[in-house]
Amino acid sequence: MSRHKFETLVSSILRNTPLRKPTVLTPKSLRRILQVTKGITANIFHMINSLATDAAQSGQERITDEGIESWRPLSDGGAAFA
């Protein structure tokens, strides 16, 4: 996936989250998402949806660079993503 396509995909997903505040990510956070998800579209959706849920539940109402840096996928003994 090209860098431009990746950034466009992430931006599109972020625009469609039900969070009340806009999410603005640094290039470092975008690289982290790419690294963790290995660029796999389903994994990108899973990660961002998980981060959005955490942001809503915490009351922050936006995904932060700190949240991305500390995010870890749930592991069920092997698969990083379900």
N, C-alpha and C. Protein backbone atom coordinates (compact mmCIF):
# COMPACT_ATOMS: atom_id res chain seq x y z
N MET A 1 0.86 -1.17 0.00
CA MET A 1 0.00 0.00 0.00
C MET A 1 0.90 1.23 0.00
N SER A 2 0.64 2.16 -0.90
CA SER A 2 1.46 3.37 -0.96
C SER A 2 1.17 4.27 0.24
N ARG A 3 2.10 5.14 0.56
CA ARG A 3 1.95 6.04 1.71
C ARG A 3 0.71 6.91 1.55
N HIS A 4 0.49 7.43 0.34
CA HIS A 4 -0.67 8.29 0.10
C HIS A 4 -1.98 7.51 0.30
N LYS A 5 -2.05 6.30 -0.23
CA LYS A 5 -3.26 5.49 -0.08
C LYS A 5 -3.49 5.14 1.38
N PHE A 6 -2.42 4.84 2.11
CA PHE A 6 -2.53 4.52 3.52
C PHE A 6 -3.08 5.73 4.30
N GLU A 7 -2.50 6.90 4.06
CA GLU A 7 -2.95 8.11 4.77
C GLU A 7 -4.39 8.45 4.42
N THR A 8 -4.78 8.25 3.18
CA THR A 8 -6.16 8.49 2.76
C THR A 8 -7.10 7.53 3.46
N LEU A 9 -6.72 6.26 3.55
CA LEU A 9 -7.55 5.27 4.23
C LEU A 9 -7.72 5.63 5.71
N VAL A 10 -6.62 5.94 6.39
CA VAL A 10 -6.68 6.29 7.81
C VAL A 10 -7.55 7.54 8.00
N SER A 11 -7.37 8.54 7.17
CA SER A 11 -8.18 9.77 7.27
C SER A 11 -9.66 9.47 7.09
N SER A 12 -9.97 8.61 6.14
CA SER A 12 -11.38 8.26 5.89
C SER A 12 -11.98 7.53 7.09
N ILE A 13 -11.23 6.61 7.66
CA ILE A 13 -11.74 5.89 8.83
C ILE A 13 -11.94 6.85 9.99
N LEU A 14 -10.96 7.72 10.22
CA LEU A 14 -11.06 8.68 11.33
C LEU A 14 -12.26 9.61 11.17
N ARG A 15 -12.53 10.05 9.95
CA ARG A 15 -13.68 10.93 9.70
C ARG A 15 -15.00 10.25 10.03
N ASN A 16 -15.02 8.96 9.96
CA ASN A 16 -16.26 8.22 10.17
C ASN A 16 -16.40 7.63 11.57
N THR A 17 -15.48 7.97 12.46
CA THR A 17 -15.66 7.52 13.84
C THR A 17 -16.67 8.44 14.52
N PRO A 18 -17.39 7.93 15.51
CA PRO A 18 -18.41 8.75 16.17
C PRO A 18 -17.85 9.67 17.27
N LEU A 19 -16.56 9.98 17.20
CA LEU A 19 -15.96 10.82 18.23
C LEU A 19 -16.36 12.27 18.03
N ARG A 20 -16.48 13.00 19.14
CA ARG A 20 -16.96 14.39 19.09
C ARG A 20 -15.88 15.40 18.76
N LYS A 21 -14.61 15.03 18.96
CA LYS A 21 -13.51 15.94 18.68
C LYS A 21 -12.68 15.40 17.52
N PRO A 22 -12.11 16.27 16.72
CA PRO A 22 -11.30 15.79 15.59
C PRO A 22 -10.00 15.15 16.07
N THR A 23 -9.58 14.15 15.35
CA THR A 23 -8.31 13.48 15.62
C THR A 23 -7.28 13.97 14.62
N VAL A 24 -6.17 14.47 15.12
CA VAL A 24 -5.06 14.91 14.28
C VAL A 24 -3.84 14.11 14.70
N LEU A 25 -3.30 13.35 13.76
CA LEU A 25 -2.19 12.46 14.08
C LEU A 25 -0.88 12.96 13.50
N THR A 26 0.19 12.69 14.22
CA THR A 26 1.53 13.03 13.75
C THR A 26 2.01 11.96 12.77
N PRO A 27 3.01 12.29 11.96
CA PRO A 27 3.59 11.27 11.09
C PRO A 27 4.09 10.05 11.88
N LYS A 28 4.60 10.28 13.09
CA LYS A 28 5.06 9.17 13.93
C LYS A 28 3.91 8.22 14.26
N SER A 29 2.74 8.77 14.56
CA SER A 29 1.58 7.93 14.86
C SER A 29 1.11 7.16 13.64
N LEU A 30 1.14 7.81 12.49
CA LEU A 30 0.78 7.11 11.26
C LEU A 30 1.74 5.95 10.99
N ARG A 31 3.03 6.18 11.21
CA ARG A 31 4.02 5.09 11.04
C ARG A 31 3.75 3.96 12.02
N ARG A 32 3.35 4.31 13.24
CA ARG A 32 3.05 3.29 14.26
C ARG A 32 1.85 2.44 13.83
N ILE A 33 0.82 3.09 13.33
CA ILE A 33 -0.35 2.34 12.85
C ILE A 33 0.07 1.39 11.74
N LEU A 34 0.86 1.87 10.80
CA LEU A 34 1.33 1.04 9.70
C LEU A 34 2.16 -0.12 10.21
N GLN A 35 3.03 0.14 11.17
CA GLN A 35 3.89 -0.90 11.74
C GLN A 35 3.07 -1.98 12.45
N VAL A 36 2.16 -1.56 13.31
CA VAL A 36 1.37 -2.50 14.11
C VAL A 36 0.44 -3.33 13.24
N THR A 37 -0.17 -2.69 12.24
CA THR A 37 -1.16 -3.38 11.41
C THR A 37 -0.57 -4.09 10.20
N LYS A 38 0.70 -3.82 9.93
CA LYS A 38 1.38 -4.38 8.75
C LYS A 38 0.69 -3.96 7.46
N GLY A 39 -0.05 -2.84 7.54
CA GLY A 39 -0.73 -2.31 6.35
C GLY A 39 -1.93 -3.11 5.91
N ILE A 40 -2.37 -4.04 6.71
CA ILE A 40 -3.53 -4.88 6.37
C ILE A 40 -4.80 -4.10 6.72
N THR A 41 -5.63 -3.88 5.72
CA THR A 41 -6.80 -3.02 5.88
C THR A 41 -7.68 -3.42 7.06
N ALA A 42 -7.99 -4.69 7.21
CA ALA A 42 -8.84 -5.14 8.32
C ALA A 42 -8.19 -4.80 9.67
N ASN A 43 -6.88 -4.94 9.75
CA ASN A 43 -6.17 -4.63 10.99
C ASN A 43 -6.19 -3.12 11.28
N ILE A 44 -6.10 -2.31 10.22
CA ILE A 44 -6.16 -0.86 10.38
C ILE A 44 -7.53 -0.48 10.94
N PHE A 45 -8.60 -1.03 10.35
CA PHE A 45 -9.95 -0.76 10.85
C PHE A 45 -10.07 -1.19 12.30
N HIS A 46 -9.59 -2.38 12.62
CA HIS A 46 -9.69 -2.91 13.99
C HIS A 46 -8.97 -1.99 14.97
N MET A 47 -7.76 -1.58 14.64
CA MET A 47 -6.98 -0.74 15.54
C MET A 47 -7.66 0.60 15.77
N ILE A 48 -8.08 1.26 14.70
CA ILE A 48 -8.70 2.57 14.84
C ILE A 48 -10.03 2.47 15.57
N ASN A 49 -10.82 1.45 15.28
CA ASN A 49 -12.08 1.27 15.99
C ASN A 49 -11.85 1.02 17.48
N SER A 50 -10.83 0.25 17.80
CA SER A 50 -10.50 -0.01 19.20
C SER A 50 -10.05 1.28 19.89
N LEU A 51 -9.21 2.06 19.21
CA LEU A 51 -8.76 3.33 19.76
C LEU A 51 -9.92 4.30 19.93
N ALA A 52 -10.85 4.32 18.98
CA ALA A 52 -12.01 5.21 19.08
C ALA A 52 -12.91 4.81 20.25
N THR A 53 -13.09 3.52 20.45
CA THR A 53 -13.87 3.04 21.59
C THR A 53 -13.23 3.47 22.90
N ASP A 54 -11.91 3.28 22.99
CA ASP A 54 -11.18 3.70 24.19
C ASP A 54 -11.33 5.21 24.42
N ALA A 55 -11.23 6.00 23.35
CA ALA A 55 -11.33 7.45 23.45
C ALA A 55 -12.72 7.88 23.92
N ALA A 56 -13.75 7.23 23.41
CA ALA A 56 -15.12 7.56 23.82
C ALA A 56 -15.36 7.17 25.28
N GLN A 57 -14.89 5.99 25.66
CA GLN A 57 -15.10 5.52 27.03
C GLN A 57 -14.33 6.35 28.05
N SER A 58 -13.19 6.90 27.65
CA SER A 58 -12.38 7.70 28.57
C SER A 58 -12.87 9.14 28.65
N GLY A 59 -13.74 9.54 27.72
CA GLY A 59 -14.24 10.90 27.68
C GLY A 59 -13.36 11.85 26.88
N GLN A 60 -12.25 11.36 26.33
CA GLN A 60 -11.38 12.22 25.53
C GLN A 60 -12.02 12.61 24.21
N GLU A 61 -12.81 11.70 23.65
CA GLU A 61 -13.54 11.94 22.41
C GLU A 61 -12.65 12.23 21.20
N ARG A 62 -11.40 11.80 21.27
CA ARG A 62 -10.50 11.87 20.10
C ARG A 62 -9.38 10.88 20.32
N ILE A 63 -8.83 10.39 19.23
CA ILE A 63 -7.69 9.47 19.31
C ILE A 63 -6.43 10.32 19.42
N THR A 64 -5.58 9.97 20.37
CA THR A 64 -4.37 10.75 20.60
C THR A 64 -3.13 9.98 20.15
N ASP A 65 -2.05 10.72 19.95
CA ASP A 65 -0.78 10.09 19.61
C ASP A 65 -0.34 9.17 20.74
N GLU A 66 -0.58 9.58 21.97
CA GLU A 66 -0.21 8.75 23.13
C GLU A 66 -0.99 7.44 23.14
N GLY A 67 -2.28 7.53 22.79
CA GLY A 67 -3.10 6.32 22.73
C GLY A 67 -2.60 5.35 21.68
N ILE A 68 -2.19 5.88 20.55
CA ILE A 68 -1.65 5.02 19.48
C ILE A 68 -0.35 4.37 19.92
N GLU A 69 0.51 5.14 20.55
CA GLU A 69 1.81 4.62 20.98
C GLU A 69 1.64 3.50 22.01
N SER A 70 0.67 3.63 22.89
CA SER A 70 0.52 2.63 23.96
C SER A 70 -0.43 1.50 23.60
N TRP A 71 -1.12 1.60 22.44
CA TRP A 71 -2.10 0.58 22.07
C TRP A 71 -1.44 -0.76 21.77
N ARG A 72 -2.03 -1.80 22.29
CA ARG A 72 -1.59 -3.17 22.01
C ARG A 72 -2.80 -3.99 21.61
N PRO A 73 -2.68 -4.82 20.56
CA PRO A 73 -3.81 -5.66 20.18
C PRO A 73 -4.07 -6.72 21.24
N LEU A 74 -5.33 -7.08 21.39
CA LEU A 74 -5.66 -8.19 22.28
C LEU A 74 -5.11 -9.46 21.66
N SER A 75 -4.52 -10.26 22.47
CA SER A 75 -3.94 -11.51 21.97
C SER A 75 -4.70 -12.68 22.55
N ASP A 76 -5.04 -13.62 21.70
CA ASP A 76 -5.72 -14.82 22.18
C ASP A 76 -4.82 -16.03 22.07
N GLY A 77 -3.55 -15.79 22.37
CA GLY A 77 -2.60 -16.89 22.37
C GLY A 77 -1.94 -17.11 21.02
N GLY A 78 -2.00 -16.17 20.13
CA GLY A 78 -1.34 -16.36 18.85
C GLY A 78 -1.65 -15.26 17.88
N ALA A 79 -2.90 -15.13 17.52
CA ALA A 79 -3.27 -14.12 16.54
C ALA A 79 -3.30 -12.74 17.17
N ALA A 80 -2.67 -11.79 16.53
CA ALA A 80 -2.67 -10.42 17.04
C ALA A 80 -4.00 -9.73 16.77
N PHE A 81 -4.67 -10.15 15.71
CA PHE A 81 -5.94 -9.56 15.35
C PHE A 81 -6.94 -10.68 15.10
N ALA A 82 -8.18 -10.43 15.51
CA ALA A 82 -9.23 -11.44 15.32
C ALA A 82 -10.01 -11.15 14.06
